[in-house]
Amino acid sequence: MKKSFGIFYKKAIKLYNISENDIHYIVFTNSIKNNAYNDKPGQTIDILKKNNKLKDIALASDISNVAVLSQIHTKNFIYVIRKKFKIKKLITHM
């Protein structure tokens, strides 16, 4: 159980009346990583200038600190299956 999402796990355990071992069937967490710019040689973004020469976007940009763009940003997210019906009702309608 991820500590930062602990409150969501606890609420889902109470709502669904399930054990902590089964919570991974109801609550899902993940993360994605992205960096806007890769400053490694051969992987830079080049701009074609009017004189037909290529210039690294980091050098042509107004942004003074390109290191900020090359940092990896991680976004964490959580999603929970909604409880819209009771299982007893679903079974009686089958």
PDB file of N, CA and C in Angstrom:
ATOM      1  N   MET A   1       0.852  -1.180   0.000  1.00  0.00           N
ATOM      2  CA  MET A   1       0.000   0.000   0.000  1.00  0.00           C
ATOM      3  C   MET A   1       0.896   1.242   0.000  1.00  0.00           C
ATOM      4  N   LYS A   2       0.710   2.140  -0.953  1.00  0.00           N
ATOM      5  CA  LYS A   2       1.499   3.358  -0.999  1.00  0.00           C
ATOM      6  C   LYS A   2       1.038   4.297   0.110  1.00  0.00           C
ATOM      7  N   LYS A   3       1.996   4.838   0.850  1.00  0.00           N
ATOM      8  CA  LYS A   3       1.670   5.684   1.996  1.00  0.00           C
ATOM      9  C   LYS A   3       0.899   6.937   1.592  1.00  0.00           C
ATOM     10  N   SER A   4       1.251   7.544   0.465  1.00  0.00           N
ATOM     11  CA  SER A   4       0.599   8.788   0.060  1.00  0.00           C
ATOM     12  C   SER A   4      -0.879   8.590  -0.292  1.00  0.00           C
ATOM     13  N   PHE A   5      -1.273   7.373  -0.642  1.00  0.00           N
ATOM     14  CA  PHE A   5      -2.664   7.093  -0.990  1.00  0.00           C
ATOM     15  C   PHE A   5      -3.388   6.325   0.111  1.00  0.00           C
ATOM     16  N   GLY A   6      -2.791   6.221   1.273  1.00  0.00           N
ATOM     17  CA  GLY A   6      -3.330   5.423   2.365  1.00  0.00           C
ATOM     18  C   GLY A   6      -4.761   5.735   2.730  1.00  0.00           C
ATOM     19  N   ILE A   7      -5.130   7.003   2.738  1.00  0.00           N
ATOM     20  CA  ILE A   7      -6.505   7.379   3.112  1.00  0.00           C
ATOM     21  C   ILE A   7      -7.517   6.827   2.117  1.00  0.00           C
ATOM     22  N   PHE A   8      -7.169   6.776   0.835  1.00  0.00           N
ATOM     23  CA  PHE A   8      -8.072   6.240  -0.176  1.00  0.00           C
ATOM     24  C   PHE A   8      -8.253   4.731  -0.004  1.00  0.00           C
ATOM     25  N   TYR A   9      -7.155   4.064   0.323  1.00  0.00           N
ATOM     26  CA  TYR A   9      -7.236   2.627   0.576  1.00  0.00           C
ATOM     27  C   TYR A   9      -8.152   2.349   1.767  1.00  0.00           C
ATOM     28  N   LYS A  10      -7.958   3.110   2.848  1.00  0.00           N
ATOM     29  CA  LYS A  10      -8.761   2.905   4.055  1.00  0.00           C
ATOM     30  C   LYS A  10     -10.241   3.146   3.792  1.00  0.00           C
ATOM     31  N   LYS A  11     -10.570   4.191   3.041  1.00  0.00           N
ATOM     32  CA  LYS A  11     -11.973   4.479   2.710  1.00  0.00           C
ATOM     33  C   LYS A  11     -12.577   3.368   1.852  1.00  0.00           C
ATOM     34  N   ALA A  12     -11.818   2.875   0.893  1.00  0.00           N
ATOM     35  CA  ALA A  12     -12.315   1.811   0.023  1.00  0.00           C
ATOM     36  C   ALA A  12     -12.505   0.510   0.803  1.00  0.00           C
ATOM     37  N   ILE A  13     -11.600   0.208   1.717  1.00  0.00           N
ATOM     38  CA  ILE A  13     -11.736  -0.995   2.555  1.00  0.00           C
ATOM     39  C   ILE A  13     -13.023  -0.933   3.355  1.00  0.00           C
ATOM     40  N   LYS A  14     -13.313   0.245   3.897  1.00  0.00           N
ATOM     41  CA  LYS A  14     -14.534   0.418   4.688  1.00  0.00           C
ATOM     42  C   LYS A  14     -15.779   0.369   3.794  1.00  0.00           C
ATOM     43  N   LEU A  15     -15.744   1.050   2.665  1.00  0.00           N
ATOM     44  CA  LEU A  15     -16.895   1.112   1.758  1.00  0.00           C
ATOM     45  C   LEU A  15     -17.257  -0.259   1.202  1.00  0.00           C
ATOM     46  N   TYR A  16     -16.267  -1.009   0.767  1.00  0.00           N
ATOM     47  CA  TYR A  16     -16.513  -2.308   0.140  1.00  0.00           C
ATOM     48  C   TYR A  16     -16.500  -3.467   1.128  1.00  0.00           C
ATOM     49  N   ASN A  17     -16.122  -3.172   2.366  1.00  0.00           N
ATOM     50  CA  ASN A  17     -16.071  -4.188   3.416  1.00  0.00           C
ATOM     51  C   ASN A  17     -15.201  -5.376   2.982  1.00  0.00           C
ATOM     52  N   ILE A  18     -13.987  -5.056   2.554  1.00  0.00           N
ATOM     53  CA  ILE A  18     -13.052  -6.087   2.104  1.00  0.00           C
ATOM     54  C   ILE A  18     -11.761  -5.991   2.920  1.00  0.00           C
ATOM     55  N   SER A  19     -10.934  -6.991   2.810  1.00  0.00           N
ATOM     56  CA  SER A  19      -9.676  -7.009   3.555  1.00  0.00           C
ATOM     57  C   SER A  19      -8.625  -6.169   2.838  1.00  0.00           C
ATOM     58  N   GLU A  20      -7.589  -5.840   3.574  1.00  0.00           N
ATOM     59  CA  GLU A  20      -6.489  -5.070   3.002  1.00  0.00           C
ATOM     60  C   GLU A  20      -5.775  -5.870   1.906  1.00  0.00           C
ATOM     61  N   ASN A  21      -5.817  -7.186   1.994  1.00  0.00           N
ATOM     62  CA  ASN A  21      -5.187  -8.035   0.977  1.00  0.00           C
ATOM     63  C   ASN A  21      -5.922  -7.981  -0.361  1.00  0.00           C
ATOM     64  N   ASP A  22      -7.220  -7.664  -0.355  1.00  0.00           N
ATOM     65  CA  ASP A  22      -8.019  -7.642  -1.580  1.00  0.00           C
ATOM     66  C   ASP A  22      -8.214  -6.247  -2.160  1.00  0.00           C
ATOM     67  N   ILE A  23      -7.681  -5.240  -1.506  1.00  0.00           N
ATOM     68  CA  ILE A  23      -7.929  -3.861  -1.943  1.00  0.00           C
ATOM     69  C   ILE A  23      -7.371  -3.585  -3.336  1.00  0.00           C
ATOM     70  N   HIS A  24      -6.350  -4.320  -3.756  1.00  0.00           N
ATOM     71  CA  HIS A  24      -5.757  -4.079  -5.082  1.00  0.00           C
ATOM     72  C   HIS A  24      -6.715  -4.435  -6.223  1.00  0.00           C
ATOM     73  N   TYR A  25      -7.836  -5.101  -5.932  1.00  0.00           N
ATOM     74  CA  TYR A  25      -8.852  -5.366  -6.955  1.00  0.00           C
ATOM     75  C   TYR A  25      -9.767  -4.158  -7.171  1.00  0.00           C
ATOM     76  N   ILE A  26      -9.776  -3.242  -6.221  1.00  0.00           N
ATOM     77  CA  ILE A  26     -10.688  -2.102  -6.242  1.00  0.00           C
ATOM     78  C   ILE A  26      -9.959  -0.783  -6.484  1.00  0.00           C
ATOM     79  N   VAL A  27      -8.800  -0.619  -5.855  1.00  0.00           N
ATOM     80  CA  VAL A  27      -8.045   0.630  -5.935  1.00  0.00           C
ATOM     81  C   VAL A  27      -6.764   0.383  -6.724  1.00  0.00           C
ATOM     82  N   PHE A  28      -6.530   1.228  -7.722  1.00  0.00           N
ATOM     83  CA  PHE A  28      -5.356   1.095  -8.580  1.00  0.00           C
ATOM     84  C   PHE A  28      -4.534   2.381  -8.522  1.00  0.00           C
ATOM     85  N   THR A  29      -3.233   2.242  -8.456  1.00  0.00           N
ATOM     86  CA  THR A  29      -2.351   3.401  -8.479  1.00  0.00           C
ATOM     87  C   THR A  29      -1.303   3.192  -9.563  1.00  0.00           C
ATOM     88  N   ASN A  30      -0.801   4.290 -10.059  1.00  0.00           N
ATOM     89  CA  ASN A  30       0.240   4.230 -11.075  1.00  0.00           C
ATOM     90  C   ASN A  30       0.928   5.580 -11.139  1.00  0.00           C
ATOM     91  N   SER A  31       1.963   5.674 -11.912  1.00  0.00           N
ATOM     92  CA  SER A  31       2.639   6.947 -12.130  1.00  0.00           C
ATOM     93  C   SER A  31       3.148   6.992 -13.567  1.00  0.00           C
ATOM     94  N   ILE A  32       3.252   8.195 -14.066  1.00  0.00           N
ATOM     95  CA  ILE A  32       3.804   8.406 -15.400  1.00  0.00           C
ATOM     96  C   ILE A  32       4.945   9.413 -15.282  1.00  0.00           C
ATOM     97  N   LYS A  33       5.905   9.281 -16.164  1.00  0.00           N
ATOM     98  CA  LYS A  33       7.059  10.179 -16.147  1.00  0.00           C
ATOM     99  C   LYS A  33       7.187  10.840 -17.513  1.00  0.00           C
ATOM    100  N   ASN A  34       7.603  12.094 -17.484  1.00  0.00           N
ATOM    101  CA  ASN A  34       7.744  12.843 -18.722  1.00  0.00           C
ATOM    102  C   ASN A  34       8.825  13.897 -18.535  1.00  0.00           C
ATOM    103  N   ASN A  35       9.614  14.086 -19.557  1.00  0.00           N
ATOM    104  CA  ASN A  35      10.508  15.239 -19.571  1.00  0.00           C
ATOM    105  C   ASN A  35      10.295  15.960 -20.892  1.00  0.00           C
ATOM    106  N   ALA A  36      10.252  17.260 -20.821  1.00  0.00           N
ATOM    107  CA  ALA A  36       9.931  18.060 -22.000  1.00  0.00           C
ATOM    108  C   ALA A  36      11.090  18.127 -22.992  1.00  0.00           C
ATOM    109  N   TYR A  37      12.304  17.960 -22.498  1.00  0.00           N
ATOM    110  CA  TYR A  37      13.463  18.133 -23.376  1.00  0.00           C
ATOM    111  C   TYR A  37      14.566  17.185 -22.954  1.00  0.00           C
ATOM    112  N   ASN A  38      15.193  16.551 -23.917  1.00  0.00           N
ATOM    113  CA  ASN A  38      16.306  15.649 -23.654  1.00  0.00           C
ATOM    114  C   ASN A  38      17.575  16.309 -24.167  1.00  0.00           C
ATOM    115  N   ASP A  39      18.474  16.646 -23.261  1.00  0.00           N
ATOM    116  CA  ASP A  39      19.676  17.367 -23.663  1.00  0.00           C
ATOM    117  C   ASP A  39      20.881  16.469 -23.950  1.00  0.00           C
ATOM    118  N   LYS A  40      20.647  15.165 -24.117  1.00  0.00           N
ATOM    119  CA  LYS A  40      21.739  14.247 -24.451  1.00  0.00           C
ATOM    120  C   LYS A  40      22.145  14.451 -25.911  1.00  0.00           C
ATOM    121  N   PRO A  41      23.437  14.300 -26.206  1.00  0.00           N
ATOM    122  CA  PRO A  41      23.904  14.476 -27.593  1.00  0.00           C
ATOM    123  C   PRO A  41      23.161  13.551 -28.565  1.00  0.00           C
ATOM    124  N   GLY A  42      22.734  14.095 -29.665  1.00  0.00           N
ATOM    125  CA  GLY A  42      22.036  13.315 -30.679  1.00  0.00           C
ATOM    126  C   GLY A  42      20.541  13.197 -30.432  1.00  0.00           C
ATOM    127  N   GLN A  43      20.061  13.671 -29.287  1.00  0.00           N
ATOM    128  CA  GLN A  43      18.640  13.581 -28.971  1.00  0.00           C
ATOM    129  C   GLN A  43      18.033  14.956 -28.699  1.00  0.00           C
ATOM    130  N   THR A  44      18.691  15.990 -29.139  1.00  0.00           N
ATOM    131  CA  THR A  44      18.200  17.346 -28.915  1.00  0.00           C
ATOM    132  C   THR A  44      17.195  17.731 -29.997  1.00  0.00           C
ATOM    133  N   ILE A  45      16.479  18.791 -29.742  1.00  0.00           N
ATOM    134  CA  ILE A  45      15.536  19.338 -30.722  1.00  0.00           C
ATOM    135  C   ILE A  45      16.264  20.460 -31.451  1.00  0.00           C
ATOM    136  N   ASP A  46      16.326  20.359 -32.747  1.00  0.00           N
ATOM    137  CA  ASP A  46      17.018  21.368 -33.546  1.00  0.00           C
ATOM    138  C   ASP A  46      16.007  22.185 -34.343  1.00  0.00           C
ATOM    139  N   ILE A  47      16.342  23.450 -34.508  1.00  0.00           N
ATOM    140  CA  ILE A  47      15.508  24.369 -35.288  1.00  0.00           C
ATOM    141  C   ILE A  47      16.265  24.729 -36.559  1.00  0.00           C
ATOM    142  N   LEU A  48      15.562  24.683 -37.674  1.00  0.00           N
ATOM    143  CA  LEU A  48      16.164  25.062 -38.950  1.00  0.00           C
ATOM    144  C   LEU A  48      16.018  26.575 -39.102  1.00  0.00           C
ATOM    145  N   LYS A  49      17.150  27.250 -39.153  1.00  0.00           N
ATOM    146  CA  LYS A  49      17.157  28.719 -39.275  1.00  0.00           C
ATOM    147  C   LYS A  49      17.003  29.117 -40.745  1.00  0.00           C
ATOM    148  N   LYS A  50      16.760  30.383 -40.980  1.00  0.00           N
ATOM    149  CA  LYS A  50      16.590  30.888 -42.343  1.00  0.00           C
ATOM    150  C   LYS A  50      17.830  30.664 -43.207  1.00  0.00           C
ATOM    151  N   ASN A  51      18.998  30.618 -42.571  1.00  0.00           N
ATOM    152  CA  ASN A  51      20.235  30.412 -43.321  1.00  0.00           C
ATOM    153  C   ASN A  51      20.530  28.923 -43.535  1.00  0.00           C
ATOM    154  N   ASN A  52      19.507  28.063 -43.321  1.00  0.00           N
ATOM    155  CA  ASN A  52      19.590  26.607 -43.496  1.00  0.00           C
ATOM    156  C   ASN A  52      20.562  25.922 -42.531  1.00  0.00           C
ATOM    157  N   LYS A  53      20.847  26.549 -41.412  1.00  0.00           N
ATOM    158  CA  LYS A  53      21.679  25.924 -40.386  1.00  0.00           C
ATOM    159  C   LYS A  53      20.779  25.491 -39.231  1.00  0.00           C
ATOM    160  N   LEU A  54      21.187  24.389 -38.604  1.00  0.00           N
ATOM    161  CA  LEU A  54      20.433  23.887 -37.458  1.00  0.00           C
ATOM    162  C   LEU A  54      20.989  24.475 -36.173  1.00  0.00           C
ATOM    163  N   LYS A  55      20.065  24.805 -35.255  1.00  0.00           N
ATOM    164  CA  LYS A  55      20.474  25.329 -33.958  1.00  0.00           C
ATOM    165  C   LYS A  55      19.675  24.618 -32.876  1.00  0.00           C
ATOM    166  N   ASP A  56      20.365  24.181 -31.840  1.00  0.00           N
ATOM    167  CA  ASP A  56      19.710  23.512 -30.710  1.00  0.00           C
ATOM    168  C   ASP A  56      18.680  24.460 -30.110  1.00  0.00           C
ATOM    169  N   ILE A  57      17.491  23.940 -29.845  1.00  0.00           N
ATOM    170  CA  ILE A  57      16.417  24.776 -29.310  1.00  0.00           C
ATOM    171  C   ILE A  57      16.797  25.390 -27.962  1.00  0.00           C
ATOM    172  N   ALA A  58      17.655  24.720 -27.217  1.00  0.00           N
ATOM    173  CA  ALA A  58      18.097  25.248 -25.921  1.00  0.00           C
ATOM    174  C   ALA A  58      18.891  26.540 -26.111  1.00  0.00           C
ATOM    175  N   LEU A  59      19.638  26.613 -27.192  1.00  0.00           N
ATOM    176  CA  LEU A  59      20.419  27.817 -27.465  1.00  0.00           C
ATOM    177  C   LEU A  59      19.570  28.902 -28.119  1.00  0.00           C
ATOM    178  N   ALA A  60      18.556  28.511 -28.863  1.00  0.00           N
ATOM    179  CA  ALA A  60      17.709  29.471 -29.568  1.00  0.00           C
ATOM    180  C   ALA A  60      16.547  29.964 -28.698  1.00  0.00           C
ATOM    181  N   SER A  61      16.304  29.301 -27.591  1.00  0.00           N
ATOM    182  CA  SER A  61      15.141  29.599 -26.753  1.00  0.00           C
ATOM    183  C   SER A  61      15.357  30.819 -25.865  1.00  0.00           C
ATOM    184  N   ASP A  62      14.232  31.411 -25.465  1.00  0.00           N
ATOM    185  CA  ASP A  62      14.259  32.518 -24.505  1.00  0.00           C
ATOM    186  C   ASP A  62      14.415  32.001 -23.074  1.00  0.00           C
ATOM    187  N   ILE A  63      14.232  30.713 -22.895  1.00  0.00           N
ATOM    188  CA  ILE A  63      14.329  30.127 -21.560  1.00  0.00           C
ATOM    189  C   ILE A  63      15.803  30.060 -21.166  1.00  0.00           C
ATOM    190  N   SER A  64      16.148  30.727 -20.084  1.00  0.00           N
ATOM    191  CA  SER A  64      17.556  30.799 -19.696  1.00  0.00           C
ATOM    192  C   SER A  64      18.056  29.518 -19.035  1.00  0.00           C
ATOM    193  N   ASN A  65      17.168  28.775 -18.402  1.00  0.00           N
ATOM    194  CA  ASN A  65      17.590  27.571 -17.700  1.00  0.00           C
ATOM    195  C   ASN A  65      16.949  26.339 -18.340  1.00  0.00           C
ATOM    196  N   VAL A  66      17.605  25.762 -19.309  1.00  0.00           N
ATOM    197  CA  VAL A  66      17.079  24.611 -20.027  1.00  0.00           C
ATOM    198  C   VAL A  66      17.088  23.368 -19.143  1.00  0.00           C
ATOM    199  N   ALA A  67      17.896  23.383 -18.096  1.00  0.00           N
ATOM    200  CA  ALA A  67      17.942  22.239 -17.179  1.00  0.00           C
ATOM    201  C   ALA A  67      16.560  21.956 -16.590  1.00  0.00           C
ATOM    202  N   VAL A  68      15.760  22.980 -16.425  1.00  0.00           N
ATOM    203  CA  VAL A  68      14.398  22.797 -15.903  1.00  0.00           C
ATOM    204  C   VAL A  68      13.574  21.958 -16.876  1.00  0.00           C
ATOM    205  N   LEU A  69      13.735  22.182 -18.158  1.00  0.00           N
ATOM    206  CA  LEU A  69      12.991  21.429 -19.164  1.00  0.00           C
ATOM    207  C   LEU A  69      13.457  19.978 -19.257  1.00  0.00           C
ATOM    208  N   SER A  70      14.718  19.727 -18.946  1.00  0.00           N
ATOM    209  CA  SER A  70      15.244  18.372 -19.088  1.00  0.00           C
ATOM    210  C   SER A  70      15.025  17.514 -17.840  1.00  0.00           C
ATOM    211  N   GLN A  71      14.459  18.077 -16.779  1.00  0.00           N
ATOM    212  CA  GLN A  71      14.159  17.294 -15.582  1.00  0.00           C
ATOM    213  C   GLN A  71      12.976  16.369 -15.845  1.00  0.00           C
ATOM    214  N   ILE A  72      13.021  15.193 -15.232  1.00  0.00           N
ATOM    215  CA  ILE A  72      11.918  14.246 -15.371  1.00  0.00           C
ATOM    216  C   ILE A  72      10.857  14.597 -14.345  1.00  0.00           C
ATOM    217  N   HIS A  73       9.628  14.756 -14.818  1.00  0.00           N
ATOM    218  CA  HIS A  73       8.492  15.076 -13.955  1.00  0.00           C
ATOM    219  C   HIS A  73       7.646  13.820 -13.802  1.00  0.00           C
ATOM    220  N   THR A  74       7.310  13.489 -12.571  1.00  0.00           N
ATOM    221  CA  THR A  74       6.514  12.299 -12.278  1.00  0.00           C
ATOM    222  C   THR A  74       5.149  12.718 -11.765  1.00  0.00           C
ATOM    223  N   LYS A  75       4.118  12.145 -12.339  1.00  0.00           N
ATOM    224  CA  LYS A  75       2.740  12.365 -11.904  1.00  0.00           C
ATOM    225  C   LYS A  75       2.197  11.048 -11.370  1.00  0.00           C
ATOM    226  N   ASN A  76       1.716  11.066 -10.147  1.00  0.00           N
ATOM    227  CA  ASN A  76       1.105   9.887  -9.535  1.00  0.00           C
ATOM    228  C   ASN A  76      -0.405  10.015  -9.619  1.00  0.00           C
ATOM    229  N   PHE A  77      -1.090   8.914  -9.835  1.00  0.00           N
ATOM    230  CA  PHE A  77      -2.545   8.967  -9.864  1.00  0.00           C
ATOM    231  C   PHE A  77      -3.135   7.721  -9.233  1.00  0.00           C
ATOM    232  N   ILE A  78      -4.390   7.860  -8.839  1.00  0.00           N
ATOM    233  CA  ILE A  78      -5.119   6.785  -8.185  1.00  0.00           C
ATOM    234  C   ILE A  78      -6.517   6.734  -8.781  1.00  0.00           C
ATOM    235  N   TYR A  79      -7.055   5.536  -8.952  1.00  0.00           N
ATOM    236  CA  TYR A  79      -8.443   5.416  -9.373  1.00  0.00           C
ATOM    237  C   TYR A  79      -9.083   4.265  -8.624  1.00  0.00           C
ATOM    238  N   VAL A  80     -10.364   4.460  -8.364  1.00  0.00           N
ATOM    239  CA  VAL A  80     -11.129   3.520  -7.554  1.00  0.00           C
ATOM    240  C   VAL A  80     -12.360   3.113  -8.343  1.00  0.00           C
ATOM    241  N   ILE A  81     -12.667   1.827  -8.342  1.00  0.00           N
ATOM    242  CA  ILE A  81     -13.884   1.349  -8.998  1.00  0.00           C
ATOM    243  C   ILE A  81     -15.074   1.849  -8.193  1.00  0.00           C
ATOM    244  N   ARG A  82     -16.045   2.449  -8.858  1.00  0.00           N
ATOM    245  CA  ARG A  82     -17.226   2.965  -8.174  1.00  0.00           C
ATOM    246  C   ARG A  82     -18.141   1.845  -7.725  1.00  0.00           C
ATOM    247  N   LYS A  83     -18.786   2.114  -6.629  1.00  0.00           N
ATOM    248  CA  LYS A  83     -19.754   1.151  -6.108  1.00  0.00           C
ATOM    249  C   LYS A  83     -21.136   1.683  -6.489  1.00  0.00           C
ATOM    250  N   LYS A  84     -21.703   1.150  -7.581  1.00  0.00           N
ATOM    251  CA  LYS A  84     -22.987   1.641  -8.075  1.00  0.00           C
ATOM    252  C   LYS A  84     -24.147   0.726  -7.704  1.00  0.00           C
ATOM    253  N   PHE A  85     -23.852  -0.493  -7.387  1.00  0.00           N
ATOM    254  CA  PHE A  85     -24.932  -1.433  -7.083  1.00  0.00           C
ATOM    255  C   PHE A  85     -24.461  -2.435  -6.039  1.00  0.00           C
ATOM    256  N   LYS A  86     -25.407  -3.069  -5.417  1.00  0.00           N
ATOM    257  CA  LYS A  86     -25.066  -4.108  -4.452  1.00  0.00           C
ATOM    258  C   LYS A  86     -25.060  -5.443  -5.174  1.00  0.00           C
ATOM    259  N   ILE A  87     -24.146  -6.290  -4.810  1.00  0.00           N
ATOM    260  CA  ILE A  87     -24.023  -7.598  -5.480  1.00  0.00           C
ATOM    261  C   ILE A  87     -25.293  -8.419  -5.304  1.00  0.00           C
ATOM    262  N   LYS A  88     -25.941  -8.316  -4.154  1.00  0.00           N
ATOM    263  CA  LYS A  88     -27.163  -9.088  -3.916  1.00  0.00           C
ATOM    264  C   LYS A  88     -28.215  -8.731  -4.948  1.00  0.00           C
ATOM    265  N   LYS A  89     -28.388  -7.474  -5.233  1.00  0.00           N
ATOM    266  CA  LYS A  89     -29.385  -7.036  -6.219  1.00  0.00           C
ATOM    267  C   LYS A  89     -29.018  -7.554  -7.610  1.00  0.00           C
ATOM    268  N   LEU A  90     -27.749  -7.522  -7.941  1.00  0.00           N
ATOM    269  CA  LEU A  90     -27.308  -7.982  -9.249  1.00  0.00           C
ATOM    270  C   LEU A  90     -27.586  -9.474  -9.418  1.00  0.00           C
ATOM    271  N   ILE A  91     -27.351 -10.254  -8.405  1.00  0.00           N
ATOM    272  CA  ILE A  91     -27.559 -11.710  -8.481  1.00  0.00           C
ATOM    273  C   ILE A  91     -29.054 -12.048  -8.604  1.00  0.00           C
ATOM    274  N   THR A  92     -29.910 -11.307  -7.923  1.00  0.00           N
ATOM    275  CA  THR A  92     -31.341 -11.623  -7.987  1.00  0.00           C
ATOM    276  C   THR A  92     -31.942 -11.279  -9.348  1.00  0.00           C
ATOM    277  N   HIS A  93     -31.322 -10.430 -10.106  1.00  0.00           N
ATOM    278  CA  HIS A  93     -31.837 -10.035 -11.436  1.00  0.00           C
ATOM    279  C   HIS A  93     -31.275 -10.895 -12.555  1.00  0.00           C
ATOM    280  N   MET A  94     -30.434 -11.838 -12.247  1.00  0.00           N
ATOM    281  CA  MET A  94     -29.810 -12.674 -13.292  1.00  0.00           C
ATOM    282  C   MET A  94     -30.745 -13.741 -13.768  1.00  0.00           C
TER     283      MET A  94
END
